[in-house]
PDB file of N, CA and C in Angstrom:
ATOM      1  N   MET A   1       0.840  -1.172   0.000  1.00  0.00           N
ATOM      2  CA  MET A   1       0.000   0.000   0.000  1.00  0.00           C
ATOM      3  C   MET A   1       0.888   1.239   0.000  1.00  0.00           C
ATOM      4  N   ILE A   2       0.471   2.223  -0.757  1.00  0.00           N
ATOM      5  CA  ILE A   2       1.109   3.539  -0.770  1.00  0.00           C
ATOM      6  C   ILE A   2       0.032   4.559  -0.474  1.00  0.00           C
ATOM      7  N   GLU A   3       0.319   5.450   0.477  1.00  0.00           N
ATOM      8  CA  GLU A   3      -0.658   6.480   0.813  1.00  0.00           C
ATOM      9  C   GLU A   3       0.075   7.776   1.151  1.00  0.00           C
ATOM     10  N   THR A   4      -0.477   8.886   0.652  1.00  0.00           N
ATOM     11  CA  THR A   4       0.046  10.200   0.980  1.00  0.00           C
ATOM     12  C   THR A   4      -1.126  11.176   1.093  1.00  0.00           C
ATOM     13  N   ALA A   5      -0.935  12.199   1.900  1.00  0.00           N
ATOM     14  CA  ALA A   5      -1.972  13.220   2.071  1.00  0.00           C
ATOM     15  C   ALA A   5      -1.309  14.589   2.033  1.00  0.00           C
ATOM     16  N   ALA A   6      -1.806  15.453   1.169  1.00  0.00           N
ATOM     17  CA  ALA A   6      -1.337  16.841   1.046  1.00  0.00           C
ATOM     18  C   ALA A   6       0.170  16.925   0.777  1.00  0.00           C
ATOM     19  N   LEU A   7       0.687  16.040  -0.061  1.00  0.00           N
ATOM     20  CA  LEU A   7       2.112  16.030  -0.392  1.00  0.00           C
ATOM     21  C   LEU A   7       2.445  17.153  -1.365  1.00  0.00           C
ATOM     22  N   THR A   8       3.462  17.935  -1.045  1.00  0.00           N
ATOM     23  CA  THR A   8       3.971  18.978  -1.930  1.00  0.00           C
ATOM     24  C   THR A   8       5.479  18.806  -2.032  1.00  0.00           C
ATOM     25  N   LYS A   9       6.016  18.909  -3.245  1.00  0.00           N
ATOM     26  CA  LYS A   9       7.453  18.771  -3.471  1.00  0.00           C
ATOM     27  C   LYS A   9       7.930  19.838  -4.429  1.00  0.00           C
ATOM     28  N   ARG A  10       8.995  20.513  -4.033  1.00  0.00           N
ATOM     29  CA  ARG A  10       9.632  21.530  -4.873  1.00  0.00           C
ATOM     30  C   ARG A  10      11.090  21.161  -5.098  1.00  0.00           C
ATOM     31  N   TYR A  11      11.590  21.508  -6.251  1.00  0.00           N
ATOM     32  CA  TYR A  11      13.009  21.427  -6.578  1.00  0.00           C
ATOM     33  C   TYR A  11      13.441  22.852  -6.857  1.00  0.00           C
ATOM     34  N   GLY A  12      14.033  23.509  -5.874  1.00  0.00           N
ATOM     35  CA  GLY A  12      14.342  24.931  -6.022  1.00  0.00           C
ATOM     36  C   GLY A  12      13.050  25.714  -6.173  1.00  0.00           C
ATOM     37  N   ASN A  13      12.912  26.451  -7.259  1.00  0.00           N
ATOM     38  CA  ASN A  13      11.699  27.223  -7.525  1.00  0.00           C
ATOM     39  C   ASN A  13      10.655  26.449  -8.323  1.00  0.00           C
ATOM     40  N   THR A  14      10.978  25.206  -8.714  1.00  0.00           N
ATOM     41  CA  THR A  14      10.071  24.416  -9.537  1.00  0.00           C
ATOM     42  C   THR A  14       9.145  23.579  -8.666  1.00  0.00           C
ATOM     43  N   LEU A  15       7.854  23.776  -8.819  1.00  0.00           N
ATOM     44  CA  LEU A  15       6.859  22.989  -8.099  1.00  0.00           C
ATOM     45  C   LEU A  15       6.610  21.698  -8.870  1.00  0.00           C
ATOM     46  N   ALA A  16       6.965  20.565  -8.276  1.00  0.00           N
ATOM     47  CA  ALA A  16       6.823  19.275  -8.951  1.00  0.00           C
ATOM     48  C   ALA A  16       5.508  18.587  -8.595  1.00  0.00           C
ATOM     49  N   VAL A  17       5.092  18.675  -7.331  1.00  0.00           N
ATOM     50  CA  VAL A  17       3.852  18.058  -6.855  1.00  0.00           C
ATOM     51  C   VAL A  17       3.202  19.057  -5.916  1.00  0.00           C
ATOM     52  N   ASP A  18       1.894  19.261  -6.069  1.00  0.00           N
ATOM     53  CA  ASP A  18       1.203  20.256  -5.247  1.00  0.00           C
ATOM     54  C   ASP A  18      -0.036  19.662  -4.591  1.00  0.00           C
ATOM     55  N   ASN A  19       0.047  19.450  -3.277  1.00  0.00           N
ATOM     56  CA  ASN A  19      -1.099  19.033  -2.472  1.00  0.00           C
ATOM     57  C   ASN A  19      -1.715  17.712  -2.957  1.00  0.00           C
ATOM     58  N   LEU A  20      -0.887  16.697  -3.164  1.00  0.00           N
ATOM     59  CA  LEU A  20      -1.330  15.403  -3.689  1.00  0.00           C
ATOM     60  C   LEU A  20      -1.865  14.504  -2.588  1.00  0.00           C
ATOM     61  N   ASP A  21      -3.086  14.015  -2.755  1.00  0.00           N
ATOM     62  CA  ASP A  21      -3.657  12.960  -1.931  1.00  0.00           C
ATOM     63  C   ASP A  21      -3.708  11.715  -2.811  1.00  0.00           C
ATOM     64  N   LEU A  22      -3.149  10.611  -2.313  1.00  0.00           N
ATOM     65  CA  LEU A  22      -3.045   9.406  -3.133  1.00  0.00           C
ATOM     66  C   LEU A  22      -3.152   8.175  -2.253  1.00  0.00           C
ATOM     67  N   PHE A  23      -3.932   7.206  -2.687  1.00  0.00           N
ATOM     68  CA  PHE A  23      -4.019   5.916  -2.012  1.00  0.00           C
ATOM     69  C   PHE A  23      -3.988   4.832  -3.077  1.00  0.00           C
ATOM     70  N   ILE A  24      -3.028   3.930  -2.960  1.00  0.00           N
ATOM     71  CA  ILE A  24      -2.911   2.806  -3.884  1.00  0.00           C
ATOM     72  C   ILE A  24      -2.886   1.530  -3.050  1.00  0.00           C
ATOM     73  N   PRO A  25      -3.905   0.686  -3.197  1.00  0.00           N
ATOM     74  CA  PRO A  25      -3.951  -0.562  -2.430  1.00  0.00           C
ATOM     75  C   PRO A  25      -2.815  -1.508  -2.826  1.00  0.00           C
ATOM     76  N   ALA A  26      -2.436  -2.374  -1.909  1.00  0.00           N
ATOM     77  CA  ALA A  26      -1.401  -3.375  -2.186  1.00  0.00           C
ATOM     78  C   ALA A  26      -1.804  -4.215  -3.389  1.00  0.00           C
ATOM     79  N   GLY A  27      -0.846  -4.505  -4.259  1.00  0.00           N
ATOM     80  CA  GLY A  27      -1.086  -5.349  -5.423  1.00  0.00           C
ATOM     81  C   GLY A  27      -1.563  -4.614  -6.663  1.00  0.00           C
ATOM     82  N   GLU A  28      -1.881  -3.324  -6.543  1.00  0.00           N
ATOM     83  CA  GLU A  28      -2.324  -2.537  -7.701  1.00  0.00           C
ATOM     84  C   GLU A  28      -1.119  -2.001  -8.473  1.00  0.00           C
ATOM     85  N   ILE A  29      -1.296  -1.787  -9.753  1.00  0.00           N
ATOM     86  CA  ILE A  29      -0.242  -1.237 -10.603  1.00  0.00           C
ATOM     87  C   ILE A  29      -0.731   0.093 -11.170  1.00  0.00           C
ATOM     88  N   TYR A  30       0.046   1.130 -10.969  1.00  0.00           N
ATOM     89  CA  TYR A  30      -0.294   2.470 -11.458  1.00  0.00           C
ATOM     90  C   TYR A  30       0.911   3.044 -12.182  1.00  0.00           C
ATOM     91  N   GLY A  31       0.664   3.932 -13.109  1.00  0.00           N
ATOM     92  CA  GLY A  31       1.731   4.661 -13.774  1.00  0.00           C
ATOM     93  C   GLY A  31       1.527   6.148 -13.573  1.00  0.00           C
ATOM     94  N   LEU A  32       2.564   6.839 -13.189  1.00  0.00           N
ATOM     95  CA  LEU A  32       2.539   8.289 -13.053  1.00  0.00           C
ATOM     96  C   LEU A  32       3.496   8.856 -14.083  1.00  0.00           C
ATOM     97  N   LEU A  33       2.996   9.721 -14.950  1.00  0.00           N
ATOM     98  CA  LEU A  33       3.816  10.249 -16.031  1.00  0.00           C
ATOM     99  C   LEU A  33       4.001  11.745 -15.875  1.00  0.00           C
ATOM    100  N   GLY A  34       5.219  12.186 -16.075  1.00  0.00           N
ATOM    101  CA  GLY A  34       5.528  13.607 -16.064  1.00  0.00           C
ATOM    102  C   GLY A  34       5.911  14.052 -17.459  1.00  0.00           C
ATOM    103  N   PRO A  35       6.402  15.274 -17.584  1.00  0.00           N
ATOM    104  CA  PRO A  35       6.764  15.816 -18.890  1.00  0.00           C
ATOM    105  C   PRO A  35       7.786  14.970 -19.655  1.00  0.00           C
ATOM    106  N   ASN A  36       8.657  14.258 -18.935  1.00  0.00           N
ATOM    107  CA  ASN A  36       9.679  13.465 -19.628  1.00  0.00           C
ATOM    108  C   ASN A  36       9.252  12.005 -19.785  1.00  0.00           C
ATOM    109  N   GLY A  37       8.041  11.651 -19.290  1.00  0.00           N
ATOM    110  CA  GLY A  37       7.549  10.283 -19.421  1.00  0.00           C
ATOM    111  C   GLY A  37       8.042   9.332 -18.354  1.00  0.00           C
ATOM    112  N   ALA A  38       8.817   9.793 -17.389  1.00  0.00           N
ATOM    113  CA  ALA A  38       9.343   8.933 -16.333  1.00  0.00           C
ATOM    114  C   ALA A  38       8.338   8.807 -15.196  1.00  0.00           C
ATOM    115  N   GLY A  39       8.500   7.782 -14.378  1.00  0.00           N
ATOM    116  CA  GLY A  39       7.748   7.705 -13.150  1.00  0.00           C
ATOM    117  C   GLY A  39       6.862   6.492 -12.956  1.00  0.00           C
ATOM    118  N   THR A  40       6.930   5.475 -13.780  1.00  0.00           N
ATOM    119  CA  THR A  40       6.093   4.291 -13.585  1.00  0.00           C
ATOM    120  C   THR A  40       6.606   3.492 -12.402  1.00  0.00           C
ATOM    121  N   PHE A  41       5.684   2.996 -11.575  1.00  0.00           N
ATOM    122  CA  PHE A  41       6.066   2.172 -10.445  1.00  0.00           C
ATOM    123  C   PHE A  41       5.006   1.115 -10.199  1.00  0.00           C
ATOM    124  N   VAL A  42       5.365   0.092  -9.460  1.00  0.00           N
ATOM    125  CA  VAL A  42       4.442  -0.977  -9.073  1.00  0.00           C
ATOM    126  C   VAL A  42       4.272  -0.919  -7.576  1.00  0.00           C
ATOM    127  N   ALA A  43       3.033  -0.906  -7.124  1.00  0.00           N
ATOM    128  CA  ALA A  43       2.762  -0.857  -5.679  1.00  0.00           C
ATOM    129  C   ALA A  43       2.367  -2.224  -5.197  1.00  0.00           C
TER     130      ALA A  43
END
């Protein structure tokens, strides 16, 4: 299981994630894509 509430992440002045609430049950597969296409993971 992966869970986050109100997650915000900055790299210097660049806002990468803003106020993210996320719940992924164990055994589920999700893909998160950004501008460069990176970020797929298995939960």
